[in-house]
Amino acid sequence: MSRIAYVNGRYLPHGEAAVHIEDRGYQFSDGIYEVIALRDGALIDEEPHLVRLERSLGELRIDPPMGRRALAAVLREVARRNRVREGIVYIQVTRGVARRDHAFPAKARPALVVTARRQGPSKPAAATGGVSVISLPDIRWTRCDIKSIALLPNVLAKQQAREAGAFEAWFVDEAGQVTEGSSTNAWIVTDKGELITRDPGNAILNGVTRRTILNLAAERQIRLVERGFTLEEAKAAREAFVTSTTACVMPVLRIDDMPVGDGRVGSLSAALRQAYFDYTADAEEEVEETVEGRV
């Protein structure tokens, strides 16, 4: 748990941090969020996360609470005050406090909350056993590309997965195609060795880790295709995995109690997981070099 939280210009003890009861995030889920991983003090993929935050704000017509450089300074200060070097920084921006009315208020000031908490980094060896997922009908709205705090369908799906003994739930649309997980992007590897993930659009959140994996795959000349795939195709795939800021690259060994491939972590999943950890290690080294250069 974060010991110090940033709330609208103030650094406060976590127990004293609060927002107004008429904050539109509380009453309408009228806001967005981002989660950035901290690895040995480095904010992993910081710029893409902040770019996506600005895009989400723009889609909801919420003004940025501050400039990007100022926000970057707040993120580092929150991490420093909480002594977090391995974990996550959480950012939430809402439209602010206003009298309850569905329409946008005329003069509301955006509300910004930033917290940080420790969370040990997942290591490549941790994926040796892989995980399972279940499939559920996609009952969400049609703007999943916005990283909105309106996550009730995702919460229900994640809970159903936990109750089924699974790590994640994959949403399946009316056409029978997998969109994404409740908090992850979904991937499969075909028998031909093609890496498949759903193309970015309104049906999925274009994950920052997702984009990093696409780049790492392209660098390694892995055949990749951004397209939809059916649940049946996923169950018949050679490999499957999920990606997110916190899950990194997590192999999927079972879908709805059916084994994927031979039921073991596939070679491509393992290779991309290692490539991602090498990538984050490089980011950590860059931070160390920058700090050393200032001494």
Protein backbone atom coordinates (compact mmCIF):
# COMPACT_ATOMS: atom_id res chain seq x y z
CA MET A 1 0.00 0.00 0.00
CA SER A 2 1.17 3.51 -0.79
CA ARG A 3 2.22 5.39 2.36
CA ILE A 4 2.10 8.78 0.66
CA ALA A 5 -0.41 9.78 -2.01
CA TYR A 6 -0.48 12.80 -4.28
CA VAL A 7 -3.96 14.32 -4.37
CA ASN A 8 -4.62 17.53 -6.30
CA GLY A 9 -1.35 19.26 -5.54
CA ARG A 10 -0.66 17.83 -2.08
CA TYR A 11 1.43 14.92 -0.83
CA LEU A 12 -0.61 13.33 1.96
CA PRO A 13 -0.35 10.30 4.26
CA HIS A 14 -2.32 7.50 2.63
CA GLY A 15 -4.85 7.40 5.47
CA GLU A 16 -5.61 11.09 5.04
CA ALA A 17 -5.82 11.13 1.26
CA ALA A 18 -9.38 11.68 0.03
CA VAL A 19 -11.49 13.09 -2.78
CA HIS A 20 -14.84 14.86 -2.55
CA ILE A 21 -18.01 12.74 -2.55
CA GLU A 22 -19.18 14.63 -5.64
CA ASP A 23 -16.05 13.85 -7.61
CA ARG A 24 -17.36 12.64 -10.97
CA GLY A 25 -15.05 9.66 -10.89
CA TYR A 26 -16.83 8.43 -7.77
CA GLN A 27 -20.33 9.18 -9.05
CA PHE A 28 -20.05 8.48 -12.79
CA SER A 29 -16.72 6.69 -13.39
CA ASP A 30 -15.97 9.86 -15.36
CA GLY A 31 -12.21 9.47 -15.53
CA ILE A 32 -9.20 7.52 -16.74
CA TYR A 33 -6.14 5.84 -15.27
CA GLU A 34 -2.71 4.45 -16.05
CA VAL A 35 -0.43 1.95 -14.31
CA ILE A 36 3.33 2.15 -14.88
CA ALA A 37 5.76 -0.50 -13.70
CA LEU A 38 8.81 0.43 -11.65
CA ARG A 39 11.82 -1.80 -12.12
CA ASP A 40 14.85 -0.92 -10.00
CA GLY A 41 13.66 2.67 -9.94
CA ALA A 42 12.99 2.92 -13.68
CA LEU A 43 9.53 3.78 -14.99
CA ILE A 44 9.07 1.18 -17.73
CA ASP A 45 7.64 2.57 -20.99
CA GLU A 46 6.89 5.85 -19.26
CA GLU A 47 6.39 7.93 -22.41
CA PRO A 48 3.93 5.52 -24.12
CA HIS A 49 1.91 5.38 -20.90
CA LEU A 50 1.74 9.16 -20.66
CA VAL A 51 0.88 9.46 -24.35
CA ARG A 52 -1.97 6.99 -23.87
CA LEU A 53 -3.13 8.88 -20.77
CA GLU A 54 -3.32 12.08 -22.82
CA ARG A 55 -5.21 10.26 -25.56
CA SER A 56 -7.75 8.85 -23.11
CA LEU A 57 -8.24 12.31 -21.61
CA GLY A 58 -8.77 13.73 -25.08
CA GLU A 59 -11.36 11.09 -25.95
CA LEU A 60 -13.33 12.01 -22.82
CA ARG A 61 -12.70 15.74 -23.30
CA ILE A 62 -11.02 16.11 -19.92
CA ASP A 63 -8.26 18.71 -19.71
CA PRO A 64 -4.85 17.40 -18.58
CA PRO A 65 -4.35 18.27 -14.90
CA MET A 66 -0.77 19.39 -15.62
CA GLY A 67 1.91 19.21 -18.29
CA ARG A 68 3.72 15.97 -19.04
CA ARG A 69 7.04 17.06 -17.53
CA ALA A 70 5.35 18.17 -14.32
CA LEU A 71 3.43 14.91 -14.11
CA ALA A 72 6.63 12.92 -14.67
CA ALA A 73 8.16 14.77 -11.73
CA VAL A 74 5.16 13.92 -9.54
CA LEU A 75 5.43 10.23 -10.45
CA ARG A 76 9.06 10.13 -9.39
CA GLU A 77 8.40 12.05 -6.20
CA VAL A 78 5.58 9.70 -5.20
CA ALA A 79 7.83 6.70 -5.85
CA ARG A 80 10.65 8.33 -3.87
CA ARG A 81 8.45 9.23 -0.89
CA ASN A 82 7.12 5.70 -0.77
CA ARG A 83 10.59 4.19 -1.25
CA VAL A 84 9.31 2.07 -4.10
CA ARG A 85 11.88 0.82 -6.61
CA GLU A 86 10.09 -2.42 -7.55
CA GLY A 87 6.36 -2.04 -8.01
CA ILE A 88 3.84 0.18 -9.74
CA VAL A 89 2.81 3.82 -9.92
CA TYR A 90 -0.93 4.40 -10.33
CA ILE A 91 -2.31 7.55 -11.98
CA GLN A 92 -5.99 8.53 -11.98
CA VAL A 93 -7.55 11.64 -13.50
CA THR A 94 -11.25 12.46 -13.23
CA ARG A 95 -13.29 15.36 -14.55
CA GLY A 96 -13.35 16.72 -11.03
CA VAL A 97 -15.91 17.85 -8.47
CA ALA A 98 -19.27 19.24 -9.57
CA ARG A 99 -22.95 19.17 -8.70
CA ARG A 100 -24.35 15.80 -9.78
CA ASP A 101 -25.57 16.11 -13.35
CA HIS A 102 -24.93 13.75 -16.25
CA ALA A 103 -23.81 16.51 -18.63
CA PHE A 104 -20.27 17.91 -18.37
CA PRO A 105 -19.95 20.67 -15.77
CA ALA A 106 -18.90 24.03 -17.16
CA LYS A 107 -16.04 24.81 -14.79
CA ALA A 108 -14.89 21.58 -13.14
CA ARG A 109 -11.17 21.27 -12.46
CA PRO A 110 -9.64 17.86 -13.28
CA ALA A 111 -8.69 15.84 -10.19
CA LEU A 112 -5.36 13.99 -10.10
CA VAL A 113 -4.39 11.16 -7.75
CA VAL A 114 -1.04 9.34 -7.86
CA THR A 115 -0.03 6.44 -5.63
CA ALA A 116 2.79 3.90 -5.60
CA ARG A 117 3.16 0.48 -4.04
CA ARG A 118 5.73 -2.26 -3.89
CA GLN A 119 5.23 -5.30 -6.06
CA GLY A 120 7.99 -7.77 -6.79
CA PRO A 121 8.76 -8.10 -10.49
CA SER A 122 7.63 -11.32 -12.13
CA LYS A 123 10.66 -13.29 -13.25
CA PRO A 124 10.96 -15.50 -16.35
CA ALA A 125 11.21 -18.59 -14.16
CA ALA A 126 7.85 -17.76 -12.57
CA ALA A 127 6.10 -18.67 -15.82
CA THR A 128 7.39 -22.24 -15.87
CA GLY A 129 3.97 -23.61 -14.96
CA GLY A 130 1.93 -21.09 -16.96
CA VAL A 131 -1.67 -20.12 -16.19
CA SER A 132 -5.22 -20.91 -17.26
CA VAL A 133 -7.96 -18.65 -18.60
CA ILE A 134 -11.71 -18.93 -18.98
CA SER A 135 -13.87 -17.40 -21.71
CA LEU A 136 -16.85 -15.12 -21.09
CA PRO A 137 -19.23 -13.11 -23.30
CA ASP A 138 -17.96 -9.56 -23.83
CA ILE A 139 -20.63 -7.39 -22.20
CA ARG A 140 -18.59 -4.17 -22.10
CA TRP A 141 -19.13 -0.87 -23.90
CA THR A 142 -17.77 -0.20 -27.39
CA ARG A 143 -14.96 2.17 -26.38
CA CYS A 144 -12.57 -0.23 -24.70
CA ASP A 145 -9.70 1.70 -26.34
CA ILE A 146 -10.17 4.38 -23.64
CA LYS A 147 -8.49 3.41 -20.37
CA SER A 148 -11.55 4.38 -18.37
CA ILE A 149 -12.04 3.73 -14.66
CA ALA A 150 -15.47 2.24 -15.54
CA LEU A 151 -14.30 -1.35 -15.03
CA LEU A 152 -17.26 -3.17 -13.47
CA PRO A 153 -17.57 -5.80 -16.27
CA ASN A 154 -13.81 -6.39 -15.98
CA VAL A 155 -14.08 -6.74 -12.20
CA LEU A 156 -16.89 -9.28 -12.53
CA ALA A 157 -14.95 -11.24 -15.14
CA LYS A 158 -11.77 -11.31 -13.05
CA GLN A 159 -13.75 -12.49 -10.03
CA GLN A 160 -15.38 -15.26 -12.06
CA ALA A 161 -11.94 -16.33 -13.26
CA ARG A 162 -10.63 -16.43 -9.69
CA GLU A 163 -13.62 -18.47 -8.54
CA ALA A 164 -12.94 -20.92 -11.38
CA GLY A 165 -9.31 -21.25 -10.30
CA ALA A 166 -8.07 -19.39 -13.38
CA PHE A 167 -5.68 -16.48 -13.75
CA GLU A 168 -7.68 -14.51 -16.31
CA ALA A 169 -10.93 -14.29 -18.28
CA TRP A 170 -10.92 -13.74 -22.04
CA PHE A 171 -13.84 -11.76 -23.43
CA VAL A 172 -15.50 -13.21 -26.54
CA ASP A 173 -17.62 -10.97 -28.79
CA GLU A 174 -20.85 -11.82 -30.62
CA ALA A 175 -18.87 -13.06 -33.63
CA GLY A 176 -17.09 -15.60 -31.44
CA GLN A 177 -13.78 -13.74 -31.55
CA VAL A 178 -11.58 -13.12 -28.54
CA THR A 179 -11.20 -9.41 -27.81
CA GLU A 180 -8.91 -9.28 -24.75
CA GLY A 181 -8.63 -10.29 -21.12
CA SER A 182 -10.20 -8.50 -18.18
CA SER A 183 -6.84 -6.80 -17.51
CA THR A 184 -4.57 -8.19 -20.24
CA ASN A 185 -4.15 -8.45 -24.00
CA ALA A 186 -4.57 -11.90 -25.55
CA TRP A 187 -2.13 -13.64 -27.94
CA ILE A 188 -1.86 -16.97 -29.73
CA VAL A 189 0.77 -18.71 -31.84
CA THR A 190 -0.53 -20.77 -34.77
CA ASP A 191 0.79 -24.11 -35.99
CA LYS A 192 2.58 -22.15 -38.74
CA GLY A 193 4.45 -20.15 -36.13
CA GLU A 194 2.52 -16.91 -36.68
CA LEU A 195 2.11 -14.62 -33.68
CA ILE A 196 -1.49 -13.36 -33.59
CA THR A 197 -3.09 -10.64 -31.49
CA ARG A 198 -6.23 -8.60 -32.05
CA ASP A 199 -5.74 -5.44 -34.09
CA PRO A 200 -6.07 -2.18 -32.13
CA GLY A 201 -9.44 -0.53 -32.33
CA ASN A 202 -12.38 0.32 -30.13
CA ALA A 203 -12.81 -3.31 -29.02
CA ILE A 204 -9.56 -3.51 -27.05
CA LEU A 205 -7.18 -1.38 -25.04
CA ASN A 206 -3.97 -0.98 -27.03
CA GLY A 207 -1.71 -2.13 -24.23
CA VAL A 208 1.69 -0.50 -23.80
CA THR A 209 3.27 -3.89 -23.06
CA ARG A 210 1.38 -5.23 -26.08
CA ARG A 211 3.10 -2.66 -28.31
CA THR A 212 6.48 -3.40 -26.77
CA ILE A 213 6.05 -7.11 -27.53
CA LEU A 214 5.08 -6.29 -31.12
CA ASN A 215 8.32 -4.32 -31.47
CA LEU A 216 10.41 -7.06 -29.87
CA ALA A 217 8.82 -9.65 -32.14
CA ALA A 218 9.48 -7.52 -35.23
CA GLU A 219 13.13 -7.08 -34.21
CA ARG A 220 13.43 -10.86 -34.05
CA GLN A 221 11.71 -11.29 -37.42
CA ILE A 222 8.88 -13.28 -35.90
CA ARG A 223 5.92 -13.54 -38.22
CA LEU A 224 3.13 -11.53 -36.63
CA VAL A 225 -0.38 -10.59 -37.65
CA GLU A 226 -2.75 -8.17 -35.94
CA ARG A 227 -6.21 -9.64 -36.46
CA GLY A 228 -9.09 -11.14 -34.57
CA PHE A 229 -9.09 -14.84 -33.74
CA THR A 230 -11.91 -17.08 -32.59
CA LEU A 231 -12.09 -18.92 -29.30
CA GLU A 232 -11.92 -22.20 -31.23
CA GLU A 233 -8.75 -21.03 -32.99
CA ALA A 234 -7.23 -20.13 -29.64
CA LYS A 235 -8.00 -23.56 -28.21
CA ALA A 236 -6.39 -25.20 -31.24
CA ALA A 237 -3.33 -22.91 -31.16
CA ARG A 238 0.22 -24.11 -30.59
CA GLU A 239 0.78 -21.53 -27.85
CA ALA A 240 -1.05 -18.72 -26.08
CA PHE A 241 -0.11 -15.99 -23.65
CA VAL A 242 -1.30 -12.72 -22.14
CA THR A 243 0.49 -9.41 -21.65
CA SER A 244 0.10 -6.44 -19.34
CA THR A 245 2.15 -4.04 -17.25
CA THR A 246 1.94 -6.33 -14.23
CA ALA A 247 1.71 -9.77 -15.88
CA CYS A 248 4.48 -8.95 -18.40
CA VAL A 249 4.34 -11.99 -20.73
CA MET A 250 2.43 -14.84 -19.08
CA PRO A 251 2.03 -18.16 -20.93
CA VAL A 252 -1.49 -19.61 -21.06
CA LEU A 253 -1.58 -23.41 -20.81
CA ARG A 254 -5.33 -24.02 -20.54
CA ILE A 255 -8.42 -22.31 -21.96
CA ASP A 256 -11.75 -23.40 -20.45
CA ASP A 257 -10.03 -26.51 -19.04
CA MET A 258 -8.67 -27.48 -22.46
CA PRO A 259 -4.87 -27.69 -22.84
CA VAL A 260 -3.20 -25.32 -25.28
CA GLY A 261 -0.75 -27.19 -27.51
CA ASP A 262 1.01 -29.85 -25.46
CA GLY A 263 0.01 -28.16 -22.20
CA ARG A 264 3.49 -26.75 -21.58
CA VAL A 265 5.07 -23.32 -22.01
CA GLY A 266 5.85 -22.87 -25.69
CA SER A 267 9.23 -21.84 -27.07
CA LEU A 268 8.00 -18.56 -28.59
CA SER A 269 6.16 -17.52 -25.41
CA ALA A 270 9.27 -18.23 -23.35
CA ALA A 271 11.51 -16.38 -25.81
CA LEU A 272 9.32 -13.28 -25.85
CA ARG A 273 9.04 -13.32 -22.07
CA GLN A 274 12.82 -13.37 -21.77
CA ALA A 275 13.12 -10.66 -24.42
CA TYR A 276 10.76 -8.47 -22.42
CA PHE A 277 12.79 -8.89 -19.23
CA ASP A 278 15.96 -8.08 -21.14
CA TYR A 279 14.21 -4.95 -22.43
CA THR A 280 13.21 -3.81 -18.93
CA ALA A 281 16.72 -4.57 -17.66
CA ASP A 282 18.10 -2.21 -20.32
CA ALA A 283 15.73 0.50 -19.04
CA GLU A 284 17.04 -0.04 -15.51
CA GLU A 285 20.63 0.33 -16.73
CA GLU A 286 19.76 3.60 -18.50
CA VAL A 287 18.40 5.01 -15.23
CA GLU A 288 21.54 3.94 -13.36
CA GLU A 289 23.75 5.58 -15.99
CA THR A 290 21.72 8.81 -15.78
CA VAL A 291 22.02 8.90 -11.99
CA GLU A 292 25.74 8.18 -12.11
CA GLY A 293 26.19 10.97 -14.67
CA ARG A 294 24.65 13.48 -12.25
CA VAL A 295 26.93 12.60 -9.32
